[in-house]
C-alpha atoms as a PDB file:
ATOM      1  CA  THR A   1       2.071 -23.302 -42.629  1.00  0.00           C
ATOM      2  CA  PRO A   2       2.747 -25.323 -39.357  1.00  0.00           C
ATOM      3  CA  ASN A   3       1.525 -28.743 -39.419  1.00  0.00           C
ATOM      4  CA  PRO A   4      -1.299 -29.836 -36.881  1.00  0.00           C
ATOM      5  CA  ALA A   5       1.004 -31.481 -34.397  1.00  0.00           C
ATOM      6  CA  TRP A   6       3.308 -28.290 -34.162  1.00  0.00           C
ATOM      7  CA  ALA A   7       0.277 -26.039 -33.969  1.00  0.00           C
ATOM      8  CA  GLY A   8      -1.132 -28.261 -31.172  1.00  0.00           C
ATOM      9  CA  ASP A   9       2.258 -27.907 -29.196  1.00  0.00           C
ATOM     10  CA  VAL A  10       2.073 -24.184 -29.432  1.00  0.00           C
ATOM     11  CA  PHE A  11      -1.509 -24.013 -28.360  1.00  0.00           C
ATOM     12  CA  GLY A  12      -0.869 -26.288 -25.496  1.00  0.00           C
ATOM     13  CA  GLU A  13       2.094 -24.213 -24.340  1.00  0.00           C
ATOM     14  CA  ARG A  14      -0.070 -21.041 -24.465  1.00  0.00           C
ATOM     15  CA  LEU A  15      -2.585 -22.701 -22.287  1.00  0.00           C
ATOM     16  CA  ALA A  16       0.016 -23.824 -19.871  1.00  0.00           C
ATOM     17  CA  GLN A  17       1.546 -20.363 -19.707  1.00  0.00           C
ATOM     18  CA  LYS A  18      -2.012 -18.815 -18.966  1.00  0.00           C
ATOM     19  CA  ALA A  19      -2.386 -21.411 -16.224  1.00  0.00           C
ATOM     20  CA  ARG A  20       0.990 -20.434 -14.748  1.00  0.00           C
ATOM     21  CA  GLU A  21       0.043 -16.752 -14.848  1.00  0.00           C
ATOM     22  CA  LYS A  22      -3.268 -17.301 -13.222  1.00  0.00           C
ATOM     23  CA  ALA A  23      -1.618 -19.376 -10.406  1.00  0.00           C
ATOM     24  CA  GLN A  24       0.545 -16.330  -9.535  1.00  0.00           C
ATOM     25  CA  VAL A  25      -2.438 -13.946  -9.015  1.00  0.00           C
ATOM     26  CA  LYS A  26      -3.385 -13.628  -5.326  1.00  0.00           C
ATOM     27  CA  VAL A  27      -6.630 -12.031  -4.342  1.00  0.00           C
ATOM     28  CA  ASP A  28      -8.000 -10.613  -1.128  1.00  0.00           C
ATOM     29  CA  ALA A  29     -11.244 -11.284   0.548  1.00  0.00           C
ATOM     30  CA  GLN A  30     -13.108  -8.919  -1.830  1.00  0.00           C
ATOM     31  CA  GLY A  31     -11.695 -10.755  -4.922  1.00  0.00           C
ATOM     32  CA  ARG A  32      -9.266  -7.817  -5.702  1.00  0.00           C
ATOM     33  CA  ALA A  33      -5.971  -8.791  -7.253  1.00  0.00           C
ATOM     34  CA  LEU A  34      -3.030  -8.164  -5.020  1.00  0.00           C
ATOM     35  CA  VAL A  35       0.496  -7.013  -6.154  1.00  0.00           C
ATOM     36  CA  ALA A  36       3.765  -6.827  -4.322  1.00  0.00           C
ATOM     37  CA  VAL A  37       5.341  -3.614  -2.971  1.00  0.00           C
ATOM     38  CA  GLU A  38       8.747  -3.985  -1.484  1.00  0.00           C
ATOM     39  CA  ARG A  39      11.549  -1.502  -0.788  1.00  0.00           C
ATOM     40  CA  PRO A  40      14.394  -0.871  -1.572  1.00  0.00           C
ATOM     41  CA  THR A  41      13.672  -2.011  -5.230  1.00  0.00           C
ATOM     42  CA  GLY A  42      17.376  -2.186  -6.163  1.00  0.00           C
ATOM     43  CA  THR A  43      18.818  -4.406  -3.506  1.00  0.00           C
ATOM     44  CA  LYS A  44      18.406  -8.178  -2.826  1.00  0.00           C
ATOM     45  CA  ARG A  45      17.769  -7.458   0.847  1.00  0.00           C
ATOM     46  CA  LYS A  46      14.515  -5.697   1.432  1.00  0.00           C
ATOM     47  CA  LEU A  47      13.496  -3.605   4.416  1.00  0.00           C
ATOM     48  CA  TYR A  48       9.813  -4.350   4.167  1.00  0.00           C
ATOM     49  CA  TYR A  49       6.994  -5.417   1.812  1.00  0.00           C
ATOM     50  CA  PHE A  50       3.289  -5.467   1.716  1.00  0.00           C
ATOM     51  CA  GLU A  51       0.421  -6.415  -0.687  1.00  0.00           C
ATOM     52  CA  LEU A  52      -1.479  -3.701  -2.430  1.00  0.00           C
ATOM     53  CA  PRO A  53      -5.148  -4.293  -3.577  1.00  0.00           C
ATOM     54  CA  LEU A  54      -5.971  -3.112  -6.946  1.00  0.00           C
ATOM     55  CA  VAL A  55      -9.205  -1.095  -7.643  1.00  0.00           C
ATOM     56  CA  LYS A  56     -11.039  -2.052 -10.746  1.00  0.00           C
ATOM     57  CA  GLY A  57     -10.634   0.577 -13.510  1.00  0.00           C
ATOM     58  CA  LYS A  58      -7.992   2.475 -11.636  1.00  0.00           C
ATOM     59  CA  VAL A  59      -4.330   2.754 -11.615  1.00  0.00           C
ATOM     60  CA  TRP A  60      -2.069   3.591  -8.555  1.00  0.00           C
ATOM     61  CA  GLY A  61       0.371   6.237  -9.141  1.00  0.00           C
ATOM     62  CA  ASP A  62       3.962   5.674  -7.804  1.00  0.00           C
ATOM     63  CA  TYR A  63       5.318   8.881  -6.389  1.00  0.00           C
ATOM     64  CA  SER A  64       8.237   7.267  -4.633  1.00  0.00           C
ATOM     65  CA  ARG A  65      11.717   8.594  -5.283  1.00  0.00           C
ATOM     66  CA  ASP A  66      13.251   6.743  -8.218  1.00  0.00           C
ATOM     67  CA  GLU A  67      16.404   5.501  -6.511  1.00  0.00           C
ATOM     68  CA  PRO A  68      17.469   1.893  -6.114  1.00  0.00           C
ATOM     69  CA  LYS A  69      18.262   2.245  -2.383  1.00  0.00           C
ATOM     70  CA  GLU A  70      15.171   4.313  -1.609  1.00  0.00           C
ATOM     71  CA  THR A  71      13.125   2.850   1.433  1.00  0.00           C
ATOM     72  CA  GLY A  72      10.198   5.166   1.199  1.00  0.00           C
ATOM     73  CA  THR A  73       6.886   4.405  -0.663  1.00  0.00           C
ATOM     74  CA  ILE A  74       4.351   6.906  -1.841  1.00  0.00           C
ATOM     75  CA  LEU A  75       1.361   5.497  -3.848  1.00  0.00           C
ATOM     76  CA  LYS A  76      -1.587   7.672  -4.857  1.00  0.00           C
ATOM     77  CA  GLY A  77      -5.019   6.475  -6.207  1.00  0.00           C
ATOM     78  CA  PRO A  78      -7.446   8.463  -8.256  1.00  0.00           C
ATOM     79  CA  PHE A  79     -10.474   7.046  -6.651  1.00  0.00           C
ATOM     80  CA  GLY A  80     -12.503  10.183  -6.019  1.00  0.00           C
ATOM     81  CA  ASN A  81     -13.908  13.074  -8.010  1.00  0.00           C
ATOM     82  CA  LYS A  82     -11.745  15.345 -10.049  1.00  0.00           C
ATOM     83  CA  THR A  83     -11.391  17.875  -7.204  1.00  0.00           C
ATOM     84  CA  GLU A  84     -10.509  15.238  -4.527  1.00  0.00           C
ATOM     85  CA  ASN A  85      -7.982  13.585  -6.868  1.00  0.00           C
ATOM     86  CA  ASN A  86      -6.318  16.906  -7.548  1.00  0.00           C
ATOM     87  CA  ILE A  87      -6.157  18.120  -4.035  1.00  0.00           C
ATOM     88  CA  PHE A  88      -5.857  15.112  -1.776  1.00  0.00           C
ATOM     89  CA  PRO A  89      -6.157  11.588  -3.315  1.00  0.00           C
ATOM     90  CA  THR A  90      -6.240   8.406  -1.369  1.00  0.00           C
ATOM     91  CA  GLN A  91      -2.643   7.322  -0.590  1.00  0.00           C
ATOM     92  CA  VAL A  92      -0.499   4.661   0.870  1.00  0.00           C
ATOM     93  CA  ILE A  93       2.818   5.723   2.490  1.00  0.00           C
ATOM     94  CA  ALA A  94       5.439   3.439   4.002  1.00  0.00           C
ATOM     95  CA  GLY A  95       9.071   3.696   5.220  1.00  0.00           C
ATOM     96  CA  LYS A  96      11.145   4.126   8.246  1.00  0.00           C
ATOM     97  CA  LEU A  97       9.190   5.585  11.133  1.00  0.00           C
ATOM     98  CA  GLU A  98       9.991   9.276  12.247  1.00  0.00           C
ATOM     99  CA  ASP A  99      10.959   9.320  15.814  1.00  0.00           C
ATOM    100  CA  GLU A 100       8.194  11.750  16.986  1.00  0.00           C
ATOM    101  CA  MET A 101       5.318  10.520  14.683  1.00  0.00           C
ATOM    102  CA  ILE A 102       3.511   8.374  17.325  1.00  0.00           C
ATOM    103  CA  PRO A 103       3.604  10.907  20.121  1.00  0.00           C
ATOM    104  CA  ARG A 104       2.484  13.705  17.643  1.00  0.00           C
ATOM    105  CA  ILE A 105      -0.510  11.706  16.645  1.00  0.00           C
ATOM    106  CA  ARG A 106      -1.516  10.662  20.232  1.00  0.00           C
ATOM    107  CA  THR A 107      -1.195  14.231  21.563  1.00  0.00           C
ATOM    108  CA  GLY A 108      -2.433  16.200  18.509  1.00  0.00           C
ATOM    109  CA  ASN A 109      -4.456  19.281  18.832  1.00  0.00           C
ATOM    110  CA  TYR A 110      -7.636  17.808  17.424  1.00  0.00           C
ATOM    111  CA  SER A 111     -11.068  19.440  16.866  1.00  0.00           C
ATOM    112  CA  SER A 112     -14.148  17.998  18.378  1.00  0.00           C
ATOM    113  CA  GLU A 113     -14.908  16.139  15.117  1.00  0.00           C
ATOM    114  CA  THR A 114     -11.355  14.480  14.831  1.00  0.00           C
ATOM    115  CA  GLY A 115      -8.978  12.547  16.891  1.00  0.00           C
ATOM    116  CA  VAL A 116      -7.649   9.100  17.700  1.00  0.00           C
ATOM    117  CA  ILE A 117     -10.348   6.366  17.161  1.00  0.00           C
ATOM    118  CA  ARG A 118      -8.237   3.359  17.913  1.00  0.00           C
ATOM    119  CA  ASP A 119      -4.796   2.801  19.472  1.00  0.00           C
ATOM    120  CA  VAL A 120      -3.395  -0.652  20.233  1.00  0.00           C
ATOM    121  CA  GLU A 121       0.235  -1.309  21.096  1.00  0.00           C
ATOM    122  CA  THR A 122       2.206  -4.486  21.746  1.00  0.00           C
ATOM    123  CA  ALA A 123       5.805  -5.225  22.130  1.00  0.00           C
ATOM    124  CA  ASP A 124       6.054  -6.002  18.335  1.00  0.00           C
ATOM    125  CA  GLN A 125       3.722  -3.433  16.731  1.00  0.00           C
ATOM    126  CA  VAL A 126       1.405  -0.429  17.028  1.00  0.00           C
ATOM    127  CA  ASP A 127      -2.038   0.065  15.293  1.00  0.00           C
ATOM    128  CA  ILE A 128      -3.540   3.581  15.288  1.00  0.00           C
ATOM    129  CA  GLU A 129      -6.694   4.841  13.517  1.00  0.00           C
ATOM    130  CA  TRP A 130      -7.333   8.509  13.618  1.00  0.00           C
ATOM    131  CA  THR A 131      -9.042  11.438  11.716  1.00  0.00           C
ATOM    132  CA  ASP A 132      -7.586  14.946  11.132  1.00  0.00           C
ATOM    133  CA  TYR A 133      -7.967  17.905   8.827  1.00  0.00           C
ATOM    134  CA  GLU A 134      -5.381  18.614   6.072  1.00  0.00           C
ATOM    135  CA  LYS A 135      -5.185  22.157   4.794  1.00  0.00           C
ATOM    136  CA  ARG A 136      -4.890  22.422   1.058  1.00  0.00           C
ATOM    137  CA  ARG A 137      -5.030  25.895  -0.559  1.00  0.00           C
ATOM    138  CA  TYR A 138      -7.728  27.827   1.280  1.00  0.00           C
ATOM    139  CA  ASN A 139      -9.702  24.744   2.500  1.00  0.00           C
ATOM    140  CA  LYS A 140      -9.471  21.962   5.131  1.00  0.00           C
ATOM    141  CA  TYR A 141     -10.326  18.397   4.228  1.00  0.00           C
ATOM    142  CA  LYS A 142     -11.048  15.697   6.643  1.00  0.00           C
ATOM    143  CA  ILE A 143      -8.725  12.618   6.214  1.00  0.00           C
ATOM    144  CA  HIS A 144      -9.195   9.167   7.761  1.00  0.00           C
ATOM    145  CA  ASN A 145      -5.781   7.623   8.710  1.00  0.00           C
ATOM    146  CA  PHE A 146      -4.849   3.889   9.278  1.00  0.00           C
ATOM    147  CA  MET A 147      -1.493   3.096  10.470  1.00  0.00           C
ATOM    148  CA  ARG A 148       0.584   0.079  11.405  1.00  0.00           C
ATOM    149  CA  VAL A 149       4.137   0.172  12.937  1.00  0.00           C
ATOM    150  CA  LEU A 150       6.426  -2.815  13.202  1.00  0.00           C
ATOM    151  CA  ARG A 151       8.987  -2.417  16.110  1.00  0.00           C
ATOM    152  CA  ALA A 152      12.568  -2.985  15.457  1.00  0.00           C
ATOM    153  CA  LYS A 153      14.092  -6.151  16.865  1.00  0.00           C
ATOM    154  CA  GLU A 154      17.629  -5.106  16.880  1.00  0.00           C
ATOM    155  CA  LYS A 155      19.369  -1.996  18.105  1.00  0.00           C
ATOM    156  CA  ASN A 156      20.680  -1.110  14.674  1.00  0.00           C
ATOM    157  CA  GLN A 157      17.289  -1.298  13.017  1.00  0.00           C
ATOM    158  CA  LYS A 158      14.615   1.354  12.711  1.00  0.00           C
ATOM    159  CA  ASP A 159      10.871   0.880  13.206  1.00  0.00           C
ATOM    160  CA  VAL A 160       8.970   0.710   9.884  1.00  0.00           C
ATOM    161  CA  VAL A 161       5.529   2.113   9.227  1.00  0.00           C
ATOM    162  CA  VAL A 162       2.731   1.796   6.545  1.00  0.00           C
ATOM    163  CA  PHE A 163      -0.316   3.859   6.542  1.00  0.00           C
ATOM    164  CA  LEU A 164      -3.406   4.559   4.423  1.00  0.00           C
ATOM    165  CA  GLN A 165      -4.931   8.018   4.072  1.00  0.00           C
ATOM    166  CA  ILE A 166      -8.410   8.252   2.810  1.00  0.00           C
ATOM    167  CA  PRO A 167     -10.475  11.446   2.203  1.00  0.00           C
ATOM    168  CA  GLU A 168     -13.615  11.275   4.328  1.00  0.00           C
ATOM    169  CA  PRO A 169     -15.966  11.179   1.393  1.00  0.00           C
ATOM    170  CA  GLN A 170     -14.180   8.068   0.069  1.00  0.00           C
ATOM    171  CA  LEU A 171     -14.094   6.212   3.332  1.00  0.00           C
ATOM    172  CA  GLU A 172     -17.009   3.997   2.974  1.00  0.00           C
ATOM    173  CA  ARG A 173     -15.901   2.703  -0.407  1.00  0.00           C
ATOM    174  CA  LEU A 174     -12.219   2.298   0.279  1.00  0.00           C
ATOM    175  CA  GLN A 175     -11.698   1.581   4.001  1.00  0.00           C
ATOM    176  CA  ASP A 176     -11.576  -2.194   3.128  1.00  0.00           C
ATOM    177  CA  LEU A 177      -8.290  -1.638   1.211  1.00  0.00           C
ATOM    178  CA  TRP A 178      -6.564  -1.304   4.671  1.00  0.00           C
ATOM    179  CA  PRO A 179      -6.886  -5.058   6.001  1.00  0.00           C
ATOM    180  CA  PRO A 180      -4.838  -6.593   3.194  1.00  0.00           C
ATOM    181  CA  ILE A 181      -2.256  -3.895   3.438  1.00  0.00           C
ATOM    182  CA  ARG A 182      -2.064  -3.942   7.176  1.00  0.00           C
ATOM    183  CA  ASP A 183      -2.014  -7.721   7.572  1.00  0.00           C
ATOM    184  CA  SER A 184       0.661  -8.293   4.774  1.00  0.00           C
ATOM    185  CA  PHE A 185       3.158  -5.767   6.154  1.00  0.00           C
ATOM    186  CA  ARG A 186       6.280  -7.525   7.113  1.00  0.00           C
ATOM    187  CA  ARG A 187       9.963  -6.856   7.591  1.00  0.00           C
ATOM    188  CA  GLY A 188      12.440  -8.282   5.119  1.00  0.00           C
ATOM    189  CA  ASN A 189      12.049 -10.096   1.816  1.00  0.00           C
ATOM    190  CA  MET A 190       8.819 -11.722   0.574  1.00  0.00           C
ATOM    191  CA  THR A 191       8.703 -15.503   0.864  1.00  0.00           C
ATOM    192  CA  PHE A 192       6.437 -15.912  -2.123  1.00  0.00           C
ATOM    193  CA  ALA A 193       5.942 -14.481  -5.622  1.00  0.00           C
ATOM    194  CA  LEU A 194       3.422 -11.811  -6.507  1.00  0.00           C
ATOM    195  CA  PRO A 195       3.140  -9.797  -9.723  1.00  0.00           C
ATOM    196  CA  LYS A 196       5.109  -6.479  -9.578  1.00  0.00           C
ATOM    197  CA  ASN A 197       5.000  -3.169 -11.476  1.00  0.00           C
ATOM    198  CA  GLU A 198       1.874  -3.880 -13.407  1.00  0.00           C
ATOM    199  CA  THR A 199      -0.568  -1.760 -11.420  1.00  0.00           C
ATOM    200  CA  THR A 200       1.206   1.332 -10.746  1.00  0.00           C
ATOM    201  CA  GLU A 201       2.572   4.174 -12.976  1.00  0.00           C
ATOM    202  CA  SER A 202       5.728   6.032 -11.896  1.00  0.00           C
ATOM    203  CA  LYS A 203       5.153   9.870 -11.614  1.00  0.00           C
END
């Protein structure tokens, strides 16, 4: 049986450890915990990172390729009903920008109910918000898209992109996931520590 002094030391250390863990938790404006997502996972030098908000009672699934040098990210969240989750869940996608992606969005063959809602471009970045239909099986589903592109600063670099796709029925509940992702999206390595790999499950 430990003597009281030893027991007190252990209890004190546990409290100190809990305090350290609590200090590492960062939250967004809605009070949701944020976790770090950075790629590639297996190299010291990262291409990009962003902060992912957690949704209470839910777990993001990580569908990214399990390769140390993989630069792409695919995260899916089961935030809708069973049908929505099986057919088109909310998802976050990031990686190197495809050359024709922005022109394809801007000149898309949209219906009267879909199209570009917001399109703002500066020398350093592009922000686009748009809606479109995605066909799954025999049905079409209206999807709301938010995208940020960071332009390359050097000739040997590629533009990088992150975007959030939300099925229209979930939009009102989940659109506030976008600002923390968008505003934290950066090139290179994180300059601070956030918890990692505790909120996503690999698929």
